Amino acid sequence: VRSAVLDHFATLKSEAGDTALAWEAIHGEDEWYRARAGEHLSERVGDPGEMPARTKAVIAEALLGQNDAAAIAASELAASMKLYEFIPLMATASA
């Protein structure tokens, strides 16, 4: 069922769907679930320059937050998607 939810977000082909995928890729309970959400997001967005601002905001918020697990997941997502503008936030998150 949870995988079907991710499939649904991807088929929305919208900013809201992409943002939900980013949220799940960072805050999802299980590693496989976070990885699948990240895969869907990568397939949907393709070029990092096309990622909606709200979606990027989810990643930035996790990098700047107090939750270490979310910061690590956000760093991994940003790196896998080649979101180079997040490198300074990644450095801050690891400090």
PDB file of N, CA and C in Angstrom:
ATOM      1  N   VAL A   1       0.822  -1.185   0.000  1.00  0.00           N
ATOM      2  CA  VAL A   1       0.000   0.000   0.000  1.00  0.00           C
ATOM      3  C   VAL A   1       0.871   1.255   0.000  1.00  0.00           C
ATOM      4  N   ARG A   2       1.911   1.268   0.819  1.00  0.00           N
ATOM      5  CA  ARG A   2       2.763   2.454   0.902  1.00  0.00           C
ATOM      6  C   ARG A   2       3.455   2.727  -0.418  1.00  0.00           C
ATOM      7  N   SER A   3       3.862   1.682  -1.107  1.00  0.00           N
ATOM      8  CA  SER A   3       4.488   1.853  -2.412  1.00  0.00           C
ATOM      9  C   SER A   3       3.490   2.433  -3.410  1.00  0.00           C
ATOM     10  N   ALA A   4       2.236   2.032  -3.298  1.00  0.00           N
ATOM     11  CA  ALA A   4       1.194   2.561  -4.182  1.00  0.00           C
ATOM     12  C   ALA A   4       0.984   4.053  -3.940  1.00  0.00           C
ATOM     13  N   VAL A   5       1.153   4.486  -2.706  1.00  0.00           N
ATOM     14  CA  VAL A   5       1.032   5.914  -2.395  1.00  0.00           C
ATOM     15  C   VAL A   5       2.122   6.691  -3.128  1.00  0.00           C
ATOM     16  N   LEU A   6       3.342   6.170  -3.105  1.00  0.00           N
ATOM     17  CA  LEU A   6       4.438   6.826  -3.828  1.00  0.00           C
ATOM     18  C   LEU A   6       4.158   6.852  -5.326  1.00  0.00           C
ATOM     19  N   ASP A   7       3.650   5.742  -5.844  1.00  0.00           N
ATOM     20  CA  ASP A   7       3.289   5.690  -7.269  1.00  0.00           C
ATOM     21  C   ASP A   7       2.248   6.765  -7.588  1.00  0.00           C
ATOM     22  N   HIS A   8       1.297   6.920  -6.695  1.00  0.00           N
ATOM     23  CA  HIS A   8       0.256   7.930  -6.895  1.00  0.00           C
ATOM     24  C   HIS A   8       0.851   9.338  -6.929  1.00  0.00           C
ATOM     25  N   PHE A   9       1.727   9.644  -5.965  1.00  0.00           N
ATOM     26  CA  PHE A   9       2.364  10.969  -5.951  1.00  0.00           C
ATOM     27  C   PHE A   9       3.095  11.226  -7.266  1.00  0.00           C
ATOM     28  N   ALA A  10       3.794  10.206  -7.776  1.00  0.00           N
ATOM     29  CA  ALA A  10       4.544  10.361  -9.024  1.00  0.00           C
ATOM     30  C   ALA A  10       3.611  10.585 -10.206  1.00  0.00           C
ATOM     31  N   THR A  11       2.490   9.885 -10.236  1.00  0.00           N
ATOM     32  CA  THR A  11       1.578  10.024 -11.380  1.00  0.00           C
ATOM     33  C   THR A  11       0.824  11.361 -11.364  1.00  0.00           C
ATOM     34  N   LEU A  12       0.840  12.060 -10.246  1.00  0.00           N
ATOM     35  CA  LEU A  12       0.203  13.379 -10.200  1.00  0.00           C
ATOM     36  C   LEU A  12       0.905  14.360 -11.139  1.00  0.00           C
ATOM     37  N   LYS A  13       2.213  14.167 -11.331  1.00  0.00           N
ATOM     38  CA  LYS A  13       3.005  15.048 -12.204  1.00  0.00           C
ATOM     39  C   LYS A  13       2.730  16.513 -11.879  1.00  0.00           C
ATOM     40  N   SER A  14       2.894  16.811 -10.585  1.00  0.00           N
ATOM     41  CA  SER A  14       2.608  18.164 -10.113  1.00  0.00           C
ATOM     42  C   SER A  14       3.610  18.570  -9.041  1.00  0.00           C
ATOM     43  N   GLU A  15       3.614  19.853  -8.742  1.00  0.00           N
ATOM     44  CA  GLU A  15       4.473  20.360  -7.675  1.00  0.00           C
ATOM     45  C   GLU A  15       4.107  19.708  -6.339  1.00  0.00           C
ATOM     46  N   ALA A  16       2.821  19.553  -6.092  1.00  0.00           N
ATOM     47  CA  ALA A  16       2.383  18.933  -4.840  1.00  0.00           C
ATOM     48  C   ALA A  16       2.868  17.490  -4.751  1.00  0.00           C
ATOM     49  N   GLY A  17       2.772  16.744  -5.842  1.00  0.00           N
ATOM     50  CA  GLY A  17       3.250  15.361  -5.854  1.00  0.00           C
ATOM     51  C   GLY A  17       4.749  15.280  -5.649  1.00  0.00           C
ATOM     52  N   ASP A  18       5.497  16.159  -6.328  1.00  0.00           N
ATOM     53  CA  ASP A  18       6.956  16.175  -6.181  1.00  0.00           C
ATOM     54  C   ASP A  18       7.359  16.525  -4.754  1.00  0.00           C
ATOM     55  N   THR A  19       6.654  17.479  -4.170  1.00  0.00           N
ATOM     56  CA  THR A  19       6.960  17.889  -2.802  1.00  0.00           C
ATOM     57  C   THR A  19       6.652  16.770  -1.817  1.00  0.00           C
ATOM     58  N   ALA A  20       5.566  16.050  -2.044  1.00  0.00           N
ATOM     59  CA  ALA A  20       5.235  14.908  -1.192  1.00  0.00           C
ATOM     60  C   ALA A  20       6.292  13.816  -1.323  1.00  0.00           C
ATOM     61  N   LEU A  21       6.786  13.591  -2.538  1.00  0.00           N
ATOM     62  CA  LEU A  21       7.846  12.599  -2.735  1.00  0.00           C
ATOM     63  C   LEU A  21       9.120  13.007  -1.990  1.00  0.00           C
ATOM     64  N   ALA A  22       9.467  14.288  -2.053  1.00  0.00           N
ATOM     65  CA  ALA A  22      10.657  14.763  -1.333  1.00  0.00           C
ATOM     66  C   ALA A  22      10.482  14.554   0.166  1.00  0.00           C
ATOM     67  N   TRP A  23       9.296  14.879   0.673  1.00  0.00           N
ATOM     68  CA  TRP A  23       9.022  14.696   2.104  1.00  0.00           C
ATOM     69  C   TRP A  23       9.196  13.232   2.497  1.00  0.00           C
ATOM     70  N   GLU A  24       8.625  12.330   1.708  1.00  0.00           N
ATOM     71  CA  GLU A  24       8.730  10.905   2.009  1.00  0.00           C
ATOM     72  C   GLU A  24      10.162  10.392   1.847  1.00  0.00           C
ATOM     73  N   ALA A  25      10.914  10.950   0.896  1.00  0.00           N
ATOM     74  CA  ALA A  25      12.305  10.539   0.706  1.00  0.00           C
ATOM     75  C   ALA A  25      13.170  10.938   1.902  1.00  0.00           C
ATOM     76  N   ILE A  26      12.734  11.916   2.645  1.00  0.00           N
ATOM     77  CA  ILE A  26      13.488  12.395   3.805  1.00  0.00           C
ATOM     78  C   ILE A  26      12.937  11.829   5.108  1.00  0.00           C
ATOM     79  N   HIS A  27      11.627  11.829   5.256  1.00  0.00           N
ATOM     80  CA  HIS A  27      11.010  11.495   6.542  1.00  0.00           C
ATOM     81  C   HIS A  27      10.335  10.122   6.567  1.00  0.00           C
ATOM     82  N   GLY A  28      10.374   9.386   5.465  1.00  0.00           N
ATOM     83  CA  GLY A  28       9.747   8.067   5.439  1.00  0.00           C
ATOM     84  C   GLY A  28      10.345   7.138   6.484  1.00  0.00           C
ATOM     85  N   GLU A  29       9.532   6.220   6.983  1.00  0.00           N
ATOM     86  CA  GLU A  29       9.952   5.336   8.078  1.00  0.00           C
ATOM     87  C   GLU A  29      11.088   4.392   7.708  1.00  0.00           C
ATOM     88  N   ASP A  30      10.993   3.760   6.565  1.00  0.00           N
ATOM     89  CA  ASP A  30      11.931   2.704   6.205  1.00  0.00           C
ATOM     90  C   ASP A  30      12.887   3.153   5.107  1.00  0.00           C
ATOM     91  N   GLU A  31      14.081   2.573   5.120  1.00  0.00           N
ATOM     92  CA  GLU A  31      15.091   2.928   4.126  1.00  0.00           C
ATOM     93  C   GLU A  31      14.610   2.635   2.704  1.00  0.00           C
ATOM     94  N   TRP A  32      13.981   1.458   2.497  1.00  0.00           N
ATOM     95  CA  TRP A  32      13.510   1.115   1.149  1.00  0.00           C
ATOM     96  C   TRP A  32      12.470   2.117   0.659  1.00  0.00           C
ATOM     97  N   TYR A  33      11.648   2.600   1.585  1.00  0.00           N
ATOM     98  CA  TYR A  33      10.589   3.545   1.240  1.00  0.00           C
ATOM     99  C   TYR A  33      11.187   4.903   0.864  1.00  0.00           C
ATOM    100  N   ARG A  34      12.151   5.363   1.665  1.00  0.00           N
ATOM    101  CA  ARG A  34      12.823   6.623   1.349  1.00  0.00           C
ATOM    102  C   ARG A  34      13.528   6.528   0.007  1.00  0.00           C
ATOM    103  N   ALA A  35      14.202   5.395  -0.240  1.00  0.00           N
ATOM    104  CA  ALA A  35      14.914   5.205  -1.510  1.00  0.00           C
ATOM    105  C   ALA A  35      13.945   5.220  -2.686  1.00  0.00           C
ATOM    106  N   ARG A  36      12.807   4.551  -2.538  1.00  0.00           N
ATOM    107  CA  ARG A  36      11.818   4.503  -3.628  1.00  0.00           C
ATOM    108  C   ARG A  36      11.235   5.884  -3.891  1.00  0.00           C
ATOM    109  N   ALA A  37      10.973   6.645  -2.841  1.00  0.00           N
ATOM    110  CA  ALA A  37      10.470   8.006  -3.012  1.00  0.00           C
ATOM    111  C   ALA A  37      11.497   8.863  -3.747  1.00  0.00           C
ATOM    112  N   GLY A  38      12.768   8.711  -3.389  1.00  0.00           N
ATOM    113  CA  GLY A  38      13.827   9.443  -4.074  1.00  0.00           C
ATOM    114  C   GLY A  38      13.940   9.057  -5.535  1.00  0.00           C
ATOM    115  N   GLU A  39      13.771   7.772  -5.828  1.00  0.00           N
ATOM    116  CA  GLU A  39      13.807   7.311  -7.224  1.00  0.00           C
ATOM    117  C   GLU A  39      12.664   7.928  -8.026  1.00  0.00           C
ATOM    118  N   HIS A  40      11.477   7.915  -7.447  1.00  0.00           N
ATOM    119  CA  HIS A  40      10.323   8.520  -8.125  1.00  0.00           C
ATOM    120  C   HIS A  40      10.579  10.009  -8.382  1.00  0.00           C
ATOM    121  N   LEU A  41      11.131  10.690  -7.378  1.00  0.00           N
ATOM    122  CA  LEU A  41      11.388  12.120  -7.528  1.00  0.00           C
ATOM    123  C   LEU A  41      12.419  12.369  -8.627  1.00  0.00           C
ATOM    124  N   SER A  42      13.469  11.572  -8.661  1.00  0.00           N
ATOM    125  CA  SER A  42      14.487  11.717  -9.707  1.00  0.00           C
ATOM    126  C   SER A  42      13.896  11.500 -11.090  1.00  0.00           C
ATOM    127  N   GLU A  43      13.052  10.503 -11.214  1.00  0.00           N
ATOM    128  CA  GLU A  43      12.400  10.229 -12.494  1.00  0.00           C
ATOM    129  C   GLU A  43      11.483  11.380 -12.904  1.00  0.00           C
ATOM    130  N   ARG A  44      10.802  11.956 -11.937  1.00  0.00           N
ATOM    131  CA  ARG A  44       9.853  13.034 -12.210  1.00  0.00           C
ATOM    132  C   ARG A  44      10.558  14.332 -12.583  1.00  0.00           C
ATOM    133  N   VAL A  45      11.588  14.682 -11.843  1.00  0.00           N
ATOM    134  CA  VAL A  45      12.208  15.991 -12.008  1.00  0.00           C
ATOM    135  C   VAL A  45      13.258  15.982 -13.110  1.00  0.00           C
ATOM    136  N   GLY A  46      14.099  14.957 -13.135  1.00  0.00           N
ATOM    137  CA  GLY A  46      15.140  14.901 -14.156  1.00  0.00           C
ATOM    138  C   GLY A  46      16.197  15.962 -13.922  1.00  0.00           C
ATOM    139  N   ASP A  47      16.032  17.128 -14.529  1.00  0.00           N
ATOM    140  CA  ASP A  47      16.981  18.235 -14.400  1.00  0.00           C
ATOM    141  C   ASP A  47      16.751  18.941 -13.063  1.00  0.00           C
ATOM    142  N   PRO A  48      17.806  19.049 -12.215  1.00  0.00           N
ATOM    143  CA  PRO A  48      17.639  19.702 -10.913  1.00  0.00           C
ATOM    144  C   PRO A  48      17.102  21.128 -11.015  1.00  0.00           C
ATOM    145  N   GLY A  49      17.390  21.804 -12.116  1.00  0.00           N
ATOM    146  CA  GLY A  49      16.896  23.164 -12.297  1.00  0.00           C
ATOM    147  C   GLY A  49      15.389  23.234 -12.458  1.00  0.00           C
ATOM    148  N   GLU A  50      14.766  22.102 -12.737  1.00  0.00           N
ATOM    149  CA  GLU A  50      13.312  22.058 -12.917  1.00  0.00           C
ATOM    150  C   GLU A  50      12.567  21.702 -11.638  1.00  0.00           C
ATOM    151  N   MET A  51      13.297  21.478 -10.554  1.00  0.00           N
ATOM    152  CA  MET A  51      12.642  21.107  -9.304  1.00  0.00           C
ATOM    153  C   MET A  51      11.891  22.317  -8.744  1.00  0.00           C
ATOM    154  N   PRO A  52      10.619  22.130  -8.378  1.00  0.00           N
ATOM    155  CA  PRO A  52       9.844  23.240  -7.821  1.00  0.00           C
ATOM    156  C   PRO A  52      10.465  23.796  -6.538  1.00  0.00           C
ATOM    157  N   ALA A  53      10.280  25.075  -6.317  1.00  0.00           N
ATOM    158  CA  ALA A  53      10.833  25.738  -5.133  1.00  0.00           C
ATOM    159  C   ALA A  53      10.311  25.114  -3.836  1.00  0.00           C
ATOM    160  N   ARG A  54       9.028  24.754  -3.803  1.00  0.00           N
ATOM    161  CA  ARG A  54       8.475  24.130  -2.589  1.00  0.00           C
ATOM    162  C   ARG A  54       9.149  22.800  -2.294  1.00  0.00           C
ATOM    163  N   THR A  55       9.490  22.069  -3.350  1.00  0.00           N
ATOM    164  CA  THR A  55      10.162  20.782  -3.176  1.00  0.00           C
ATOM    165  C   THR A  55      11.557  21.000  -2.612  1.00  0.00           C
ATOM    166  N   LYS A  56      12.259  21.992  -3.154  1.00  0.00           N
ATOM    167  CA  LYS A  56      13.591  22.331  -2.636  1.00  0.00           C
ATOM    168  C   LYS A  56      13.506  22.806  -1.187  1.00  0.00           C
ATOM    169  N   ALA A  57      12.425  23.493  -0.847  1.00  0.00           N
ATOM    170  CA  ALA A  57      12.264  23.987   0.516  1.00  0.00           C
ATOM    171  C   ALA A  57      12.165  22.845   1.526  1.00  0.00           C
ATOM    172  N   VAL A  58      11.537  21.746   1.129  1.00  0.00           N
ATOM    173  CA  VAL A  58      11.453  20.567   2.010  1.00  0.00           C
ATOM    174  C   VAL A  58      12.855  20.042   2.311  1.00  0.00           C
ATOM    175  N   ILE A  59      13.692  19.997   1.289  1.00  0.00           N
ATOM    176  CA  ILE A  59      15.065  19.511   1.467  1.00  0.00           C
ATOM    177  C   ILE A  59      15.854  20.475   2.349  1.00  0.00           C
ATOM    178  N   ALA A  60      15.747  21.767   2.061  1.00  0.00           N
ATOM    179  CA  ALA A  60      16.474  22.771   2.841  1.00  0.00           C
ATOM    180  C   ALA A  60      16.061  22.754   4.309  1.00  0.00           C
ATOM    181  N   GLU A  61      14.761  22.639   4.547  1.00  0.00           N
ATOM    182  CA  GLU A  61      14.260  22.607   5.928  1.00  0.00           C
ATOM    183  C   GLU A  61      14.839  21.424   6.697  1.00  0.00           C
ATOM    184  N   ALA A  62      14.918  20.279   6.046  1.00  0.00           N
ATOM    185  CA  ALA A  62      15.482  19.095   6.713  1.00  0.00           C
ATOM    186  C   ALA A  62      16.970  19.278   6.987  1.00  0.00           C
ATOM    187  N   LEU A  63      17.676  19.903   6.061  1.00  0.00           N
ATOM    188  CA  LEU A  63      19.108  20.136   6.267  1.00  0.00           C
ATOM    189  C   LEU A  63      19.376  21.099   7.420  1.00  0.00           C
ATOM    190  N   LEU A  64      18.480  22.038   7.630  1.00  0.00           N
ATOM    191  CA  LEU A  64      18.666  23.047   8.668  1.00  0.00           C
ATOM    192  C   LEU A  64      18.020  22.666   9.999  1.00  0.00           C
ATOM    193  N   GLY A  65      17.240  21.600  10.005  1.00  0.00           N
ATOM    194  CA  GLY A  65      16.514  21.200  11.205  1.00  0.00           C
ATOM    195  C   GLY A  65      17.380  20.494  12.237  1.00  0.00           C
ATOM    196  N   GLN A  66      16.755  20.127  13.317  1.00  0.00           N
ATOM    197  CA  GLN A  66      17.436  19.480  14.439  1.00  0.00           C
ATOM    198  C   GLN A  66      17.429  17.958  14.365  1.00  0.00           C
ATOM    199  N   ASN A  67      16.689  17.390  13.420  1.00  0.00           N
ATOM    200  CA  ASN A  67      16.577  15.943  13.278  1.00  0.00           C
ATOM    201  C   ASN A  67      17.745  15.428  12.433  1.00  0.00           C
ATOM    202  N   ASP A  68      18.699  14.757  13.078  1.00  0.00           N
ATOM    203  CA  ASP A  68      19.894  14.289  12.373  1.00  0.00           C
ATOM    204  C   ASP A  68      19.560  13.282  11.272  1.00  0.00           C
ATOM    205  N   ALA A  69      18.627  12.381  11.528  1.00  0.00           N
ATOM    206  CA  ALA A  69      18.262  11.382  10.520  1.00  0.00           C
ATOM    207  C   ALA A  69      17.680  12.057   9.283  1.00  0.00           C
ATOM    208  N   ALA A  70      16.849  13.067   9.480  1.00  0.00           N
ATOM    209  CA  ALA A  70      16.270  13.795   8.345  1.00  0.00           C
ATOM    210  C   ALA A  70      17.347  14.569   7.599  1.00  0.00           C
ATOM    211  N   ALA A  71      18.295  15.161   8.322  1.00  0.00           N
ATOM    212  CA  ALA A  71      19.381  15.905   7.679  1.00  0.00           C
ATOM    213  C   ALA A  71      20.242  14.973   6.824  1.00  0.00           C
ATOM    214  N   ILE A  72      20.499  13.783   7.330  1.00  0.00           N
ATOM    215  CA  ILE A  72      21.288  12.806   6.564  1.00  0.00           C
ATOM    216  C   ILE A  72      20.526  12.383   5.315  1.00  0.00           C
ATOM    217  N   ALA A  73      19.240  12.083   5.467  1.00  0.00           N
ATOM    218  CA  ALA A  73      18.425  11.671   4.321  1.00  0.00           C
ATOM    219  C   ALA A  73      18.329  12.804   3.297  1.00  0.00           C
ATOM    220  N   ALA A  74      18.191  14.041   3.762  1.00  0.00           N
ATOM    221  CA  ALA A  74      18.123  15.190   2.846  1.00  0.00           C
ATOM    222  C   ALA A  74      19.446  15.377   2.116  1.00  0.00           C
ATOM    223  N   SER A  75      20.550  15.182   2.813  1.00  0.00           N
ATOM    224  CA  SER A  75      21.874  15.273   2.180  1.00  0.00           C
ATOM    225  C   SER A  75      22.035  14.215   1.100  1.00  0.00           C
ATOM    226  N   GLU A  76      21.613  13.011   1.402  1.00  0.00           N
ATOM    227  CA  GLU A  76      21.709  11.922   0.428  1.00  0.00           C
ATOM    228  C   GLU A  76      20.830  12.195  -0.783  1.00  0.00           C
ATOM    229  N   LEU A  77      19.632  12.722  -0.549  1.00  0.00           N
ATOM    230  CA  LEU A  77      18.728  13.038  -1.644  1.00  0.00           C
ATOM    231  C   LEU A  77      19.313  14.150  -2.512  1.00  0.00           C
ATOM    232  N   ALA A  78      19.792  15.222  -1.878  1.00  0.00           N
ATOM    233  CA  ALA A  78      20.365  16.338  -2.627  1.00  0.00           C
ATOM    234  C   ALA A  78      21.586  15.893  -3.431  1.00  0.00           C
ATOM    235  N   ALA A  79      22.423  15.053  -2.837  1.00  0.00           N
ATOM    236  CA  ALA A  79      23.614  14.569  -3.551  1.00  0.00           C
ATOM    237  C   ALA A  79      23.227  13.677  -4.726  1.00  0.00           C
ATOM    238  N   SER A  80      22.265  12.789  -4.519  1.00  0.00           N
ATOM    239  CA  SER A  80      21.876  11.873  -5.594  1.00  0.00           C
ATOM    240  C   SER A  80      21.234  12.610  -6.761  1.00  0.00           C
ATOM    241  N   MET A  81      20.613  13.752  -6.470  1.00  0.00           N
ATOM    242  CA  MET A  81      19.951  14.520  -7.526  1.00  0.00           C
ATOM    243  C   MET A  81      20.829  15.648  -8.066  1.00  0.00           C
ATOM    244  N   LYS A  82      22.070  15.696  -7.569  1.00  0.00           N
ATOM    245  CA  LYS A  82      23.021  16.717  -8.010  1.00  0.00           C
ATOM    246  C   LYS A  82      22.493  18.135  -7.783  1.00  0.00           C
ATOM    247  N   LEU A  83      21.945  18.344  -6.617  1.00  0.00           N
ATOM    248  CA  LEU A  83      21.460  19.659  -6.218  1.00  0.00           C
ATOM    249  C   LEU A  83      22.599  20.410  -5.536  1.00  0.00           C
ATOM    250  N   TYR A  84      23.500  20.912  -6.344  1.00  0.00           N
ATOM    251  CA  TYR A  84      24.735  21.506  -5.844  1.00  0.00           C
ATOM    252  C   TYR A  84      24.511  22.746  -4.987  1.00  0.00           C
ATOM    253  N   GLU A  85      23.385  23.426  -5.167  1.00  0.00           N
ATOM    254  CA  GLU A  85      23.143  24.626  -4.362  1.00  0.00           C
ATOM    255  C   GLU A  85      22.972  24.297  -2.882  1.00  0.00           C
ATOM    256  N   PHE A  86      22.785  23.011  -2.560  1.00  0.00           N
ATOM    257  CA  PHE A  86      22.617  22.610  -1.169  1.00  0.00           C
ATOM    258  C   PHE A  86      23.939  22.249  -0.485  1.00  0.00           C
ATOM    259  N   ILE A  87      25.044  22.314  -1.188  1.00  0.00           N
ATOM    260  CA  ILE A  87      26.335  21.964  -0.584  1.00  0.00           C
ATOM    261  C   ILE A  87      26.614  22.806   0.671  1.00  0.00           C
ATOM    262  N   PRO A  88      26.415  24.128   0.653  1.00  0.00           N
ATOM    263  CA  PRO A  88      26.656  24.884   1.900  1.00  0.00           C
ATOM    264  C   PRO A  88      25.774  24.428   3.058  1.00  0.00           C
ATOM    265  N   LEU A  89      24.516  24.086   2.765  1.00  0.00           N
ATOM    266  CA  LEU A  89      23.635  23.606   3.833  1.00  0.00           C
ATOM    267  C   LEU A  89      24.069  22.240   4.325  1.00  0.00           C
ATOM    268  N   MET A  90      24.585  21.415   3.432  1.00  0.00           N
ATOM    269  CA  MET A  90      25.084  20.096   3.837  1.00  0.00           C
ATOM    270  C   MET A  90      26.266  20.260   4.785  1.00  0.00           C
ATOM    271  N   ALA A  91      27.121  21.210   4.490  1.00  0.00           N
ATOM    272  CA  ALA A  91      28.277  21.454   5.356  1.00  0.00           C
ATOM    273  C   ALA A  91      27.824  21.943   6.720  1.00  0.00           C
ATOM    274  N   THR A  92      26.826  22.796   6.740  1.00  0.00           N
ATOM    275  CA  THR A  92      26.283  23.300   7.990  1.00  0.00           C
ATOM    276  C   THR A  92      25.633  22.177   8.778  1.00  0.00           C
ATOM    277  N   ALA A  93      24.922  21.306   8.089  1.00  0.00           N
ATOM    278  CA  ALA A  93      24.228  20.195   8.757  1.00  0.00           C
ATOM    279  C   ALA A  93      25.199  19.220   9.384  1.00  0.00           C
ATOM    280  N   SER A  94      26.382  19.064   8.781  1.00  0.00           N
ATOM    281  CA  SER A  94      27.338  18.099   9.314  1.00  0.00           C
ATOM    282  C   SER A  94      28.191  18.682  10.419  1.00  0.00           C
ATOM    283  N   ALA A  95      28.104  19.993  10.641  1.00  0.00           N
ATOM    284  CA  ALA A  95      28.938  20.653  11.661  1.00  0.00           C
ATOM    285  C   ALA A  95      28.391  20.436  13.042  1.00  0.00           C
TER     286      ALA A  95
END
